[in-house]
Protein backbone atom coordinates (compact mmCIF):
# COMPACT_ATOMS: atom_id res chain seq x y z
CA MET A 1 236.58 146.37 102.56
CA ALA A 2 233.50 145.16 104.40
CA ALA A 3 233.60 141.71 106.66
CA ALA A 4 231.24 139.11 105.44
CA PRO A 5 228.53 138.75 107.36
CA VAL A 6 229.56 135.41 110.17
CA LEU A 7 226.28 132.82 110.09
CA GLY A 8 224.46 133.11 113.31
CA GLY A 9 225.40 136.86 113.95
CA ALA A 10 223.39 139.63 113.96
CA LEU A 11 223.98 140.02 110.44
CA ALA A 12 222.42 136.71 109.25
CA GLY A 13 218.94 136.83 108.07
CA PRO A 14 216.63 134.42 109.54
CA VAL A 15 217.16 131.04 108.79
CA LYS A 16 214.23 129.04 106.74
CA THR A 17 213.76 125.72 108.10
CA GLY A 18 211.31 124.52 105.51
CA ILE A 19 209.71 125.56 102.32
CA GLU A 20 207.32 128.13 102.69
CA GLU A 21 204.81 128.92 99.76
CA PRO A 22 201.93 131.38 99.76
CA ARG A 23 198.23 130.28 101.17
CA ILE A 24 197.21 130.51 97.80
CA VAL A 25 199.83 128.13 96.41
CA ARG A 26 199.18 125.37 99.05
CA VAL A 27 195.09 125.70 98.68
CA THR A 28 195.50 125.53 94.60
CA LEU A 29 197.58 122.64 94.91
CA ILE A 30 195.67 120.65 97.53
CA ALA A 31 192.36 121.47 95.79
CA LEU A 32 193.90 120.08 92.39
CA SER A 33 194.79 117.00 93.87
CA ILE A 34 192.00 116.30 95.36
CA ALA A 35 189.86 117.18 92.31
CA PHE A 36 191.85 114.83 90.42
CA LEU A 37 191.78 111.97 92.90
CA THR A 38 188.12 112.15 93.11
CA LEU A 39 187.55 112.40 89.48
CA PHE A 40 189.77 109.71 88.35
CA ILE A 41 189.42 106.92 91.83
CA VAL A 42 186.65 108.27 93.94
CA LEU A 43 183.85 108.52 91.10
CA PRO A 44 184.79 105.59 89.35
CA VAL A 45 184.69 103.23 92.28
CA ALA A 46 181.74 104.90 93.64
CA ASN A 47 180.00 104.47 89.92
CA VAL A 48 181.03 100.46 90.28
CA PHE A 49 178.89 100.14 93.22
CA THR A 50 175.79 102.55 92.33
CA GLN A 51 175.80 100.07 89.23
CA ALA A 52 176.22 96.89 90.47
CA PHE A 53 173.23 97.69 93.03
CA SER A 54 171.20 99.61 90.55
CA LYS A 55 168.38 96.97 90.41
CA GLY A 56 168.69 96.38 94.20
CA VAL A 57 170.17 94.04 96.72
CA ASP A 58 168.06 90.95 95.45
CA ALA A 59 169.61 91.25 92.11
CA TYR A 60 173.02 91.26 93.21
CA VAL A 61 172.95 88.69 95.36
CA GLN A 62 171.20 86.67 92.68
CA THR A 63 174.60 87.18 90.64
CA PHE A 64 175.84 84.41 93.00
CA GLY A 65 173.28 82.23 92.73
CA THR A 66 170.81 82.86 95.66
CA GLU A 67 167.48 82.14 94.26
CA SER A 68 164.48 84.35 95.18
CA GLY A 69 161.39 83.05 96.67
CA GLY A 70 159.07 83.39 93.36
CA PRO A 71 157.43 80.16 91.86
CA PRO A 72 159.63 77.32 90.19
CA PRO A 73 159.30 78.18 86.69
CA LYS A 74 156.35 76.18 84.37
CA THR A 75 157.11 76.82 80.60
CA ILE A 76 159.80 75.55 78.77
CA LEU A 77 161.24 79.41 78.41
CA ASP A 78 161.07 80.02 81.89
CA LYS A 79 163.28 76.41 82.29
CA ARG A 80 165.75 77.61 79.68
CA ARG A 81 165.90 80.50 81.51
CA ALA A 82 166.74 79.32 84.63
CA ALA A 83 169.36 76.83 83.16
CA MET A 84 171.12 79.85 81.52
CA LYS A 85 170.95 81.38 84.99
CA ARG A 86 172.58 78.42 87.04
CA ALA A 87 175.30 78.31 84.44
CA GLN A 88 176.27 81.97 84.66
CA VAL A 89 176.21 81.75 88.26
CA GLU A 90 178.75 78.60 88.20
CA LYS A 91 180.83 80.31 85.53
CA THR A 92 181.17 83.75 87.43
CA TRP A 93 181.88 81.09 90.71
CA GLY A 94 184.38 79.42 88.92
CA ALA A 95 185.84 83.00 88.05
CA ILE A 96 185.93 83.78 91.40
CA ARG A 97 187.67 80.07 92.43
CA MET A 98 190.27 80.79 89.72
CA SER A 99 191.37 84.03 90.87
CA VAL A 100 191.61 82.69 94.42
CA GLY A 101 193.50 79.54 93.36
CA ILE A 102 196.07 81.90 91.24
CA ALA A 103 196.88 84.08 93.96
CA VAL A 104 196.99 81.43 96.51
CA VAL A 105 199.95 80.13 93.93
CA VAL A 106 201.14 83.22 92.77
CA VAL A 107 201.49 85.31 96.41
CA PRO A 108 203.94 82.82 98.13
CA LEU A 109 206.28 82.42 95.10
CA ASN A 110 206.82 86.01 94.73
CA ILE A 111 207.66 86.32 98.49
CA VAL A 112 209.80 83.44 98.26
CA PHE A 113 211.41 85.11 94.87
CA GLY A 114 211.37 88.98 96.28
CA LEU A 115 212.93 88.09 99.73
CA MET A 116 215.45 86.27 97.28
CA ALA A 117 216.43 88.52 95.00
CA ALA A 118 216.35 91.56 97.81
CA TRP A 119 218.78 89.81 99.71
CA CYS A 120 221.26 89.67 96.83
CA VAL A 121 220.92 92.93 95.93
CA THR A 122 221.10 94.40 99.16
CA LYS A 123 223.86 91.74 100.88
CA PHE A 124 226.32 91.12 98.05
CA ARG A 125 228.13 92.84 95.48
CA PHE A 126 228.88 90.50 92.31
CA ARG A 127 228.86 90.84 88.25
CA GLY A 128 225.34 91.53 86.90
CA ARG A 129 223.94 93.23 89.70
CA ALA A 130 222.93 95.93 87.78
CA LEU A 131 220.98 93.64 85.19
CA LEU A 132 219.53 91.79 88.25
CA VAL A 133 217.76 95.14 89.12
CA ALA A 134 216.71 96.13 85.26
CA LEU A 135 215.36 92.28 85.33
CA ILE A 136 213.18 92.96 88.57
CA ASP A 137 211.90 96.09 87.26
CA LEU A 138 210.92 94.70 83.62
CA PRO A 139 207.57 93.85 83.93
CA PHE A 140 206.84 97.44 84.59
CA SER A 141 207.83 98.36 81.52
CA VAL A 142 206.63 95.57 79.47
CA SER A 143 202.73 95.51 78.32
CA PRO A 144 201.11 92.40 79.94
CA VAL A 145 199.72 91.79 76.54
CA ILE A 146 203.21 91.53 75.11
CA ALA A 147 204.09 89.24 77.98
CA GLY A 148 201.39 87.10 77.52
CA LEU A 149 202.10 86.82 73.92
CA VAL A 150 205.89 85.91 74.79
CA PHE A 151 204.57 83.30 76.91
CA VAL A 152 202.43 81.64 73.86
CA LEU A 153 205.04 82.08 71.69
CA LEU A 154 207.73 80.24 73.91
CA LEU A 155 205.29 77.14 75.26
CA GLY A 156 202.71 77.40 72.46
CA ARG A 157 202.67 74.51 69.95
CA SER A 158 204.28 75.51 67.50
CA GLY A 159 206.57 77.87 69.81
CA LEU A 160 210.34 77.55 70.79
CA PHE A 161 209.38 74.86 73.66
CA GLY A 162 206.24 73.49 72.40
CA ALA A 163 207.89 70.03 71.29
CA TRP A 164 208.56 69.73 75.22
CA ALA A 165 205.18 72.02 76.52
CA THR A 166 202.61 70.19 74.74
CA GLY A 167 204.44 66.81 75.54
CA PHE A 168 203.29 66.27 78.81
CA THR A 169 199.88 65.63 80.95
CA TRP A 170 199.33 67.13 84.36
CA PRO A 171 196.68 66.61 87.00
CA ASP A 172 194.09 69.35 87.79
CA PRO A 173 194.70 70.02 91.79
CA THR A 174 191.49 71.47 92.23
CA SER A 175 189.75 67.77 91.28
CA LEU A 176 191.37 65.49 93.82
CA MET A 177 188.78 62.71 94.55
CA TRP A 178 188.83 60.04 97.02
CA GLN A 179 188.67 56.67 95.15
CA GLY A 180 189.67 54.07 98.10
CA PHE A 181 192.38 51.16 98.63
CA ALA A 182 189.83 48.89 96.58
CA GLY A 183 192.35 47.50 93.61
CA HIS A 184 194.57 50.70 94.44
CA VAL A 185 197.87 51.15 95.97
CA TRP A 186 197.17 55.15 96.65
CA PRO A 187 193.43 56.37 97.91
CA LEU A 188 193.69 59.86 96.33
CA THR A 189 193.50 60.40 92.55
CA PHE A 190 192.67 63.10 90.27
CA SER A 191 189.46 63.40 87.89
CA ARG A 192 190.71 65.93 85.61
CA SER A 193 194.00 66.63 83.92
CA TYR A 194 195.19 69.04 81.38
CA GLU A 195 197.59 68.63 77.80
CA GLY A 196 200.41 71.17 77.75
CA VAL A 197 201.02 74.91 79.21
CA ILE A 198 199.13 77.08 77.34
CA PHE A 199 195.22 77.69 77.31
CA THR A 200 195.48 75.88 81.02
CA PRO A 201 195.53 77.33 84.50
CA LEU A 202 199.22 76.60 84.92
CA ALA A 203 199.66 79.43 81.74
CA ILE A 204 197.50 82.06 83.62
CA ALA A 205 200.04 81.26 86.77
CA LEU A 206 203.13 81.93 84.95
CA ALA A 207 201.62 85.05 83.51
CA SER A 208 200.54 86.04 86.79
CA ILE A 209 203.79 85.26 88.42
CA PHE A 210 205.43 87.45 85.43
CA VAL A 211 203.45 90.43 86.04
CA THR A 212 203.45 90.28 89.84
CA PHE A 213 206.86 89.47 90.66
CA PRO A 214 208.48 93.20 90.88
CA PHE A 215 206.07 94.05 94.05
CA VAL A 216 207.49 92.29 96.98
CA ALA A 217 211.13 92.81 95.59
CA ARG A 218 210.79 96.37 95.25
CA ALA A 219 209.11 97.01 98.65
CA VAL A 220 211.55 95.63 100.30
CA ILE A 221 215.23 96.40 98.45
CA PRO A 222 215.32 100.05 99.45
CA LEU A 223 214.60 99.23 103.22
CA MET A 224 217.27 96.69 103.37
CA GLN A 225 219.76 98.61 101.65
CA THR A 226 219.09 101.74 103.84
CA GLN A 227 219.59 99.72 107.05
CA GLY A 228 222.56 98.05 105.70
CA SER A 229 224.37 94.83 107.05
CA ASP A 230 225.66 95.95 110.15
CA GLU A 231 222.93 94.26 112.42
CA GLU A 232 223.47 90.80 110.65
CA LEU A 233 227.04 91.35 110.98
CA ALA A 234 226.75 91.83 114.75
CA ALA A 235 224.35 88.78 115.21
CA LEU A 236 226.93 86.74 112.87
CA SER A 237 229.90 87.61 115.14
CA LEU A 238 227.52 86.45 118.34
CA GLY A 239 227.35 82.82 116.61
CA ALA A 240 223.85 82.91 115.30
CA SER A 241 223.15 81.14 112.00
CA GLY A 242 221.95 82.38 108.76
CA TRP A 243 218.12 81.31 109.14
CA ARG A 244 218.37 82.67 112.79
CA ILE A 245 219.70 85.82 111.39
CA PHE A 246 216.96 85.98 108.81
CA ARG A 247 213.94 84.90 111.46
CA THR A 248 215.41 87.41 114.41
CA VAL A 249 217.24 90.62 113.01
CA THR A 250 216.38 90.63 109.05
CA LEU A 251 212.57 90.06 108.92
CA PRO A 252 211.30 92.18 112.16
CA ASN A 253 213.10 95.22 110.50
CA ILE A 254 211.41 94.45 106.91
CA ARG A 255 207.88 93.19 108.13
CA TRP A 256 205.60 96.54 107.00
CA ALA A 257 207.42 96.57 103.95
CA LEU A 258 207.12 92.98 102.94
CA LEU A 259 203.38 93.19 103.97
CA TYR A 260 203.39 95.95 101.84
CA GLY A 261 204.68 94.27 98.82
CA ILE A 262 202.51 90.96 99.45
CA ILE A 263 199.10 93.35 99.66
CA LEU A 264 200.17 94.76 96.16
CA CYS A 265 201.33 91.57 94.58
CA THR A 266 197.70 90.02 95.71
CA ALA A 267 195.58 93.49 94.06
CA ARG A 268 198.00 92.66 91.07
CA ALA A 269 197.09 89.01 91.04
CA PHE A 270 193.42 89.40 91.26
CA GLY A 271 193.00 92.30 89.04
CA GLU A 272 195.19 91.43 86.09
CA PHE A 273 193.62 90.87 82.42
CA GLY A 274 196.17 91.89 79.24
CA ALA A 275 198.37 88.70 80.37
CA VAL A 276 195.61 86.47 81.35
CA SER A 277 193.43 87.20 78.59
CA VAL A 278 196.21 85.96 76.02
CA VAL A 279 197.46 82.67 77.54
CA SER A 280 193.55 81.70 78.57
CA GLY A 281 192.66 81.03 75.23
CA ASN A 282 189.04 82.47 75.95
CA VAL A 283 187.92 79.13 77.53
CA ASP A 284 185.25 79.74 79.95
CA SER A 285 187.09 77.60 82.50
CA ASN A 286 189.96 79.41 82.63
CA ASP A 287 188.24 82.44 83.51
CA THR A 288 189.33 84.78 85.97
CA MET A 289 187.36 87.78 87.50
CA PRO A 290 188.45 90.29 84.97
CA LEU A 291 187.93 88.07 82.30
CA ARG A 292 184.79 87.08 83.28
CA ILE A 293 183.46 90.85 84.04
CA GLU A 294 184.65 91.22 79.84
CA LYS A 295 182.14 88.15 79.07
CA LEU A 296 179.39 89.72 81.06
CA TRP A 297 179.74 92.94 79.50
CA ASN A 298 179.69 91.67 75.73
CA GLU A 299 176.87 89.70 76.77
CA TYR A 300 174.99 93.14 77.55
CA ASP A 301 174.55 91.64 81.45
CA ASN A 302 175.62 94.65 82.90
CA GLN A 303 174.64 94.49 86.35
CA ALA A 304 176.11 91.25 86.58
CA ALA A 305 179.04 92.76 84.98
CA PHE A 306 179.34 95.31 87.55
CA THR A 307 178.35 93.07 90.51
CA VAL A 308 181.57 90.95 89.92
CA ALA A 309 183.29 94.01 89.62
CA SER A 310 182.52 95.33 92.84
CA LEU A 311 184.41 92.34 94.43
CA LEU A 312 187.52 93.44 92.81
CA ALA A 313 186.52 97.16 93.67
CA LEU A 314 185.96 96.05 97.73
CA LEU A 315 189.39 94.53 97.16
CA ALA A 316 191.17 97.93 95.90
CA VAL A 317 189.32 99.35 98.80
CA VAL A 318 190.64 96.96 101.46
CA THR A 319 194.20 97.32 100.00
CA LEU A 320 194.10 100.94 100.67
CA VAL A 321 192.87 100.96 104.20
CA ILE A 322 195.23 98.07 105.09
CA LYS A 323 198.18 100.09 103.31
CA THR A 324 197.01 102.76 105.28
CA VAL A 325 197.41 100.94 108.46
CA ILE A 326 200.66 99.59 107.51
CA ASP A 327 202.15 103.58 107.40
CA ILE A 328 200.60 104.13 110.33
CA LYS A 329 202.46 101.16 112.05
CA ALA A 330 205.39 101.80 110.49
CA ALA A 331 205.71 105.28 111.33
CA ARG A 332 205.20 104.35 115.06
CA GLY A 333 207.91 101.41 114.77
CA ARG A 334 210.94 103.48 113.13
CA ALA A 335 212.26 103.54 116.30
CA VAL A 336 215.63 101.86 116.15
CA VAL A 337 216.31 99.15 118.60
CA PRO A 338 219.33 98.80 120.35
CA LEU A 339 221.75 96.73 119.47
CA ALA A 340 222.25 94.91 122.90
CA GLN A 341 218.49 94.36 123.04
CA GLN A 342 218.83 92.75 119.73
CA ASN A 343 221.78 90.64 120.86
CA GLU A 344 219.86 89.20 123.80
CA THR A 345 217.33 88.41 121.26
CA ILE A 346 219.31 86.16 118.97
CA ARG A 347 220.79 84.57 122.62
């Protein structure tokens, strides 16, 4: 009876430390990946910038309102065209301001929610934990159009909470103005207000929060699960408070994942179309940048549509660059800080 070969002995074959594929397979897979990315990502983005500058830099800049040095309009037709141009420029800037305002509201709220949800999922064991994880992933599986429709059915005039949602008036924060102290207790006031929720910026903010809230949580949860709770427990045994533990131990460990989630959340908040289109009511004052692009395209102003789209494409490129930098920083910072050094930080 032959003896079984001993691992590491003379009879044992060479141990493979990794996947070894033929060169032709590696080259083919790399070429197909590059071709796919070029066809579906690089070329569309390049086409956006090409179409945006198709009529020159002056036409690109004039989309945002910078007038050329030509003579002033003299005929009635020229004056009407100039007035229409000014109206279009104001609508475009209104859409940009709306997108920025929505992102300013949505991203901080999602940061708070994402950190709280990640802390609950990774640090506690409770009934309904699996349901919470499933709810966090819900916007990934629900169409944004359906999400917007749900808000309309809940908060619309004939919706489930319609009597409450349409029964109050709230001020527009962007219309804050100075009224002085003469005859007034408070010198600030709002010149414009909204009634109800649906077809207002509040509805756009709610829909954007729904479609973007998984990004921060999903970026942070895997890392917090991997790190465990040993460092937090050590800090707790040294007498650190909960806020100090989070600030000096947890947050530094998850900072790159958190920043990555914030970037994705911001990009999605700027680029969301489906849910926002449903709850905006097709009102020009409620347009975000994606909605403005659609209207310019439907009005056959293709160059202006691509010009506004180039801003979103530029945001996507910046997001990719920042993501790459974060990946490099995270790879360099994966060295585990000694526990004694963390204890000194807590003290």
